[in-house]
Amino acid sequence: MGESQLREKLVKEIYLIPLEKLDEVYDFICFFRKGIERTKTNKERHFQRVEGLQISNWAK
């Protein structure tokens, strides 16, 4: 399934959610996205630290 098809399916599903529940769905999506961003940032920091280490440091 292509990216645009998946987005389209998600939008269709969102339209089926009752209006009084949309704020909960929005909160969940934001929480999920921020978690992904946080994980990505933590991985990038980890790899930057590892790249900064010299091989001689591992022998100690």
PDB file of N, CA and C in Angstrom:
ATOM      1  N   MET A   1       0.854  -1.179   0.000  1.00  0.00           N
ATOM      2  CA  MET A   1       0.000   0.000   0.000  1.00  0.00           C
ATOM      3  C   MET A   1       0.895   1.235   0.000  1.00  0.00           C
ATOM      4  N   GLY A   2       0.592   2.159  -0.871  1.00  0.00           N
ATOM      5  CA  GLY A   2       1.392   3.371  -0.976  1.00  0.00           C
ATOM      6  C   GLY A   2       1.113   4.343   0.160  1.00  0.00           C
ATOM      7  N   GLU A   3       2.016   5.304   0.285  1.00  0.00           N
ATOM      8  CA  GLU A   3       1.891   6.300   1.363  1.00  0.00           C
ATOM      9  C   GLU A   3       0.595   7.091   1.242  1.00  0.00           C
ATOM     10  N   SER A   4       0.273   7.535   0.028  1.00  0.00           N
ATOM     11  CA  SER A   4      -0.940   8.338  -0.135  1.00  0.00           C
ATOM     12  C   SER A   4      -2.202   7.506   0.126  1.00  0.00           C
ATOM     13  N   GLN A   5      -2.177   6.225  -0.229  1.00  0.00           N
ATOM     14  CA  GLN A   5      -3.320   5.356   0.041  1.00  0.00           C
ATOM     15  C   GLN A   5      -3.519   5.172   1.542  1.00  0.00           C
ATOM     16  N   LEU A   6      -2.421   4.999   2.247  1.00  0.00           N
ATOM     17  CA  LEU A   6      -2.500   4.821   3.696  1.00  0.00           C
ATOM     18  C   LEU A   6      -3.037   6.081   4.374  1.00  0.00           C
ATOM     19  N   ARG A   7      -2.554   7.229   3.943  1.00  0.00           N
ATOM     20  CA  ARG A   7      -3.051   8.493   4.509  1.00  0.00           C
ATOM     21  C   ARG A   7      -4.549   8.648   4.233  1.00  0.00           C
ATOM     22  N   GLU A   8      -4.935   8.280   3.036  1.00  0.00           N
ATOM     23  CA  GLU A   8      -6.350   8.369   2.662  1.00  0.00           C
ATOM     24  C   GLU A   8      -7.210   7.455   3.547  1.00  0.00           C
ATOM     25  N   LYS A   9      -6.735   6.248   3.792  1.00  0.00           N
ATOM     26  CA  LYS A   9      -7.470   5.316   4.650  1.00  0.00           C
ATOM     27  C   LYS A   9      -7.580   5.860   6.075  1.00  0.00           C
ATOM     28  N   LEU A  10      -6.491   6.473   6.564  1.00  0.00           N
ATOM     29  CA  LEU A  10      -6.520   7.051   7.908  1.00  0.00           C
ATOM     30  C   LEU A  10      -7.536   8.184   8.008  1.00  0.00           C
ATOM     31  N   VAL A  11      -7.555   9.032   7.007  1.00  0.00           N
ATOM     32  CA  VAL A  11      -8.502  10.151   7.002  1.00  0.00           C
ATOM     33  C   VAL A  11      -9.937   9.623   6.988  1.00  0.00           C
ATOM     34  N   LYS A  12     -10.199   8.602   6.179  1.00  0.00           N
ATOM     35  CA  LYS A  12     -11.545   8.017   6.134  1.00  0.00           C
ATOM     36  C   LYS A  12     -11.937   7.461   7.496  1.00  0.00           C
ATOM     37  N   GLU A  13     -11.016   6.793   8.164  1.00  0.00           N
ATOM     38  CA  GLU A  13     -11.298   6.254   9.496  1.00  0.00           C
ATOM     39  C   GLU A  13     -11.574   7.368  10.492  1.00  0.00           C
ATOM     40  N   ILE A  14     -10.820   8.442  10.399  1.00  0.00           N
ATOM     41  CA  ILE A  14     -11.008   9.570  11.323  1.00  0.00           C
ATOM     42  C   ILE A  14     -12.396  10.171  11.152  1.00  0.00           C
ATOM     43  N   TYR A  15     -12.879  10.243   9.904  1.00  0.00           N
ATOM     44  CA  TYR A  15     -14.221  10.775   9.663  1.00  0.00           C
ATOM     45  C   TYR A  15     -15.310   9.904  10.282  1.00  0.00           C
ATOM     46  N   LEU A  16     -15.005   8.647  10.552  1.00  0.00           N
ATOM     47  CA  LEU A  16     -15.987   7.745  11.156  1.00  0.00           C
ATOM     48  C   LEU A  16     -16.028   7.844  12.681  1.00  0.00           C
ATOM     49  N   ILE A  17     -15.082   8.563  13.256  1.00  0.00           N
ATOM     50  CA  ILE A  17     -15.014   8.712  14.712  1.00  0.00           C
ATOM     51  C   ILE A  17     -15.990   9.808  15.138  1.00  0.00           C
ATOM     52  N   PRO A  18     -16.765   9.559  16.179  1.00  0.00           N
ATOM     53  CA  PRO A  18     -17.697  10.589  16.664  1.00  0.00           C
ATOM     54  C   PRO A  18     -16.952  11.869  17.084  1.00  0.00           C
ATOM     55  N   LEU A  19     -17.560  13.005  16.790  1.00  0.00           N
ATOM     56  CA  LEU A  19     -16.919  14.291  17.084  1.00  0.00           C
ATOM     57  C   LEU A  19     -16.486  14.429  18.539  1.00  0.00           C
ATOM     58  N   GLU A  20     -17.280  13.905  19.452  1.00  0.00           N
ATOM     59  CA  GLU A  20     -16.944  14.058  20.873  1.00  0.00           C
ATOM     60  C   GLU A  20     -15.713  13.252  21.274  1.00  0.00           C
ATOM     61  N   LYS A  21     -15.222  12.378  20.404  1.00  0.00           N
ATOM     62  CA  LYS A  21     -14.028  11.576  20.697  1.00  0.00           C
ATOM     63  C   LYS A  21     -12.790  12.054  19.950  1.00  0.00           C
ATOM     64  N   LEU A  22     -12.962  13.025  19.061  1.00  0.00           N
ATOM     65  CA  LEU A  22     -11.836  13.478  18.245  1.00  0.00           C
ATOM     66  C   LEU A  22     -10.704  14.079  19.068  1.00  0.00           C
ATOM     67  N   ASP A  23     -11.030  14.762  20.151  1.00  0.00           N
ATOM     68  CA  ASP A  23      -9.965  15.340  20.965  1.00  0.00           C
ATOM     69  C   ASP A  23      -9.084  14.250  21.575  1.00  0.00           C
ATOM     70  N   GLU A  24      -9.657  13.111  21.927  1.00  0.00           N
ATOM     71  CA  GLU A  24      -8.871  11.994  22.454  1.00  0.00           C
ATOM     72  C   GLU A  24      -7.974  11.396  21.371  1.00  0.00           C
ATOM     73  N   VAL A  25      -8.514  11.290  20.174  1.00  0.00           N
ATOM     74  CA  VAL A  25      -7.726  10.754  19.053  1.00  0.00           C
ATOM     75  C   VAL A  25      -6.579  11.704  18.737  1.00  0.00           C
ATOM     76  N   TYR A  26      -6.868  12.990  18.738  1.00  0.00           N
ATOM     77  CA  TYR A  26      -5.833  13.988  18.481  1.00  0.00           C
ATOM     78  C   TYR A  26      -4.715  13.886  19.525  1.00  0.00           C
ATOM     79  N   ASP A  27      -5.089  13.792  20.790  1.00  0.00           N
ATOM     80  CA  ASP A  27      -4.097  13.672  21.857  1.00  0.00           C
ATOM     81  C   ASP A  27      -3.242  12.428  21.673  1.00  0.00           C
ATOM     82  N   PHE A  28      -3.864  11.327  21.310  1.00  0.00           N
ATOM     83  CA  PHE A  28      -3.135  10.086  21.104  1.00  0.00           C
ATOM     84  C   PHE A  28      -2.142  10.212  19.952  1.00  0.00           C
ATOM     85  N   ILE A  29      -2.590  10.798  18.844  1.00  0.00           N
ATOM     86  CA  ILE A  29      -1.716  10.950  17.678  1.00  0.00           C
ATOM     87  C   ILE A  29      -0.524  11.840  18.022  1.00  0.00           C
ATOM     88  N   CYS A  30      -0.770  12.930  18.716  1.00  0.00           N
ATOM     89  CA  CYS A  30       0.325  13.831  19.113  1.00  0.00           C
ATOM     90  C   CYS A  30       1.292  13.127  20.055  1.00  0.00           C
ATOM     91  N   PHE A  31       0.758  12.403  21.026  1.00  0.00           N
ATOM     92  CA  PHE A  31       1.590  11.661  21.968  1.00  0.00           C
ATOM     93  C   PHE A  31       2.447  10.643  21.220  1.00  0.00           C
ATOM     94  N   PHE A  32       1.861   9.929  20.294  1.00  0.00           N
ATOM     95  CA  PHE A  32       2.565   8.917  19.509  1.00  0.00           C
ATOM     96  C   PHE A  32       3.675   9.550  18.673  1.00  0.00           C
ATOM     97  N   ARG A  33       3.353  10.645  17.977  1.00  0.00           N
ATOM     98  CA  ARG A  33       4.337  11.323  17.128  1.00  0.00           C
ATOM     99  C   ARG A  33       5.499  11.883  17.945  1.00  0.00           C
ATOM    100  N   LYS A  34       5.185  12.483  19.087  1.00  0.00           N
ATOM    101  CA  LYS A  34       6.247  13.034  19.927  1.00  0.00           C
ATOM    102  C   LYS A  34       7.139  11.933  20.475  1.00  0.00           C
ATOM    103  N   GLY A  35       6.557  10.784  20.774  1.00  0.00           N
ATOM    104  CA  GLY A  35       7.362   9.644  21.224  1.00  0.00           C
ATOM    105  C   GLY A  35       8.322   9.185  20.151  1.00  0.00           C
ATOM    106  N   ILE A  36       7.865   9.156  18.908  1.00  0.00           N
ATOM    107  CA  ILE A  36       8.735   8.780  17.791  1.00  0.00           C
ATOM    108  C   ILE A  36       9.861   9.793  17.635  1.00  0.00           C
ATOM    109  N   GLU A  37       9.525  11.070  17.709  1.00  0.00           N
ATOM    110  CA  GLU A  37      10.539  12.117  17.576  1.00  0.00           C
ATOM    111  C   GLU A  37      11.567  12.022  18.701  1.00  0.00           C
ATOM    112  N   ARG A  38      11.090  11.775  19.909  1.00  0.00           N
ATOM    113  CA  ARG A  38      11.986  11.672  21.062  1.00  0.00           C
ATOM    114  C   ARG A  38      12.926  10.478  20.894  1.00  0.00           C
ATOM    115  N   THR A  39      12.399   9.357  20.435  1.00  0.00           N
ATOM    116  CA  THR A  39      13.208   8.169  20.221  1.00  0.00           C
ATOM    117  C   THR A  39      14.257   8.434  19.144  1.00  0.00           C
ATOM    118  N   LYS A  40      13.857   9.099  18.071  1.00  0.00           N
ATOM    119  CA  LYS A  40      14.776   9.404  16.983  1.00  0.00           C
ATOM    120  C   LYS A  40      15.902  10.317  17.489  1.00  0.00           C
ATOM    121  N   THR A  41      15.539  11.327  18.277  1.00  0.00           N
ATOM    122  CA  THR A  41      16.523  12.259  18.818  1.00  0.00           C
ATOM    123  C   THR A  41      17.486  11.537  19.752  1.00  0.00           C
ATOM    124  N   ASN A  42      16.977  10.657  20.604  1.00  0.00           N
ATOM    125  CA  ASN A  42      17.839   9.908  21.515  1.00  0.00           C
ATOM    126  C   ASN A  42      18.804   9.018  20.745  1.00  0.00           C
ATOM    127  N   LYS A  43      18.336   8.373  19.688  1.00  0.00           N
ATOM    128  CA  LYS A  43      19.214   7.525  18.876  1.00  0.00           C
ATOM    129  C   LYS A  43      20.297   8.365  18.219  1.00  0.00           C
ATOM    130  N   GLU A  44      19.926   9.531  17.690  1.00  0.00           N
ATOM    131  CA  GLU A  44      20.903  10.411  17.040  1.00  0.00           C
ATOM    132  C   GLU A  44      21.963  10.849  18.046  1.00  0.00           C
ATOM    133  N   ARG A  45      21.553  11.207  19.247  1.00  0.00           N
ATOM    134  CA  ARG A  45      22.519  11.601  20.280  1.00  0.00           C
ATOM    135  C   ARG A  45      23.440  10.449  20.620  1.00  0.00           C
ATOM    136  N   HIS A  46      22.884   9.255  20.738  1.00  0.00           N
ATOM    137  CA  HIS A  46      23.685   8.080  21.066  1.00  0.00           C
ATOM    138  C   HIS A  46      24.743   7.851  19.991  1.00  0.00           C
ATOM    139  N   PHE A  47      24.341   7.895  18.721  1.00  0.00           N
ATOM    140  CA  PHE A  47      25.288   7.643  17.645  1.00  0.00           C
ATOM    141  C   PHE A  47      26.329   8.745  17.556  1.00  0.00           C
ATOM    142  N   GLN A  48      25.964   9.970  17.879  1.00  0.00           N
ATOM    143  CA  GLN A  48      26.942  11.056  17.878  1.00  0.00           C
ATOM    144  C   GLN A  48      27.989  10.809  18.953  1.00  0.00           C
ATOM    145  N   ARG A  49      27.551  10.326  20.130  1.00  0.00           N
ATOM    146  CA  ARG A  49      28.513  10.028  21.202  1.00  0.00           C
ATOM    147  C   ARG A  49      29.422   8.880  20.793  1.00  0.00           C
ATOM    148  N   VAL A  50      28.845   7.846  20.192  1.00  0.00           N
ATOM    149  CA  VAL A  50      29.634   6.686  19.787  1.00  0.00           C
ATOM    150  C   VAL A  50      30.626   7.081  18.699  1.00  0.00           C
ATOM    151  N   GLU A  51      30.211   7.884  17.741  1.00  0.00           N
ATOM    152  CA  GLU A  51      31.108   8.329  16.681  1.00  0.00           C
ATOM    153  C   GLU A  51      32.246   9.166  17.250  1.00  0.00           C
ATOM    154  N   GLY A  52      31.994   9.873  18.335  1.00  0.00           N
ATOM    155  CA  GLY A  52      33.012  10.726  18.936  1.00  0.00           C
ATOM    156  C   GLY A  52      34.055   9.959  19.737  1.00  0.00           C
ATOM    157  N   LEU A  53      33.788   8.716  20.074  1.00  0.00           N
ATOM    158  CA  LEU A  53      34.740   7.912  20.815  1.00  0.00           C
ATOM    159  C   LEU A  53      35.847   7.414  19.904  1.00  0.00           C
ATOM    160  N   GLN A  54      37.037   7.346  20.465  1.00  0.00           N
ATOM    161  CA  GLN A  54      38.144   6.802  19.691  1.00  0.00           C
ATOM    162  C   GLN A  54      38.275   5.316  20.008  1.00  0.00           C
ATOM    163  N   ILE A  55      38.781   4.563  19.073  1.00  0.00           N
ATOM    164  CA  ILE A  55      38.947   3.129  19.276  1.00  0.00           C
ATOM    165  C   ILE A  55      39.825   2.858  20.492  1.00  0.00           C
ATOM    166  N   SER A  56      40.804   3.704  20.736  1.00  0.00           N
ATOM    167  CA  SER A  56      41.691   3.486  21.880  1.00  0.00           C
ATOM    168  C   SER A  56      40.937   3.556  23.197  1.00  0.00           C
ATOM    169  N   ASN A  57      39.830   4.303  23.235  1.00  0.00           N
ATOM    170  CA  ASN A  57      39.025   4.391  24.449  1.00  0.00           C
ATOM    171  C   ASN A  57      38.383   3.046  24.782  1.00  0.00           C
ATOM    172  N   TRP A  58      38.091   2.241  23.774  1.00  0.00           N
ATOM    173  CA  TRP A  58      37.457   0.947  23.989  1.00  0.00           C
ATOM    174  C   TRP A  58      38.431  -0.041  24.614  1.00  0.00           C
ATOM    175  N   ALA A  59      39.737   0.137  24.377  1.00  0.00           N
ATOM    176  CA  ALA A  59      40.731  -0.807  24.891  1.00  0.00           C
ATOM    177  C   ALA A  59      40.990  -0.600  26.376  1.00  0.00           C
ATOM    178  N   LYS A  60      40.593   0.521  26.903  1.00  0.00           N
ATOM    179  CA  LYS A  60      40.890   0.840  28.314  1.00  0.00           C
ATOM    180  C   LYS A  60      39.985   0.071  29.243  1.00  0.00           C
TER     181      LYS A  60
END
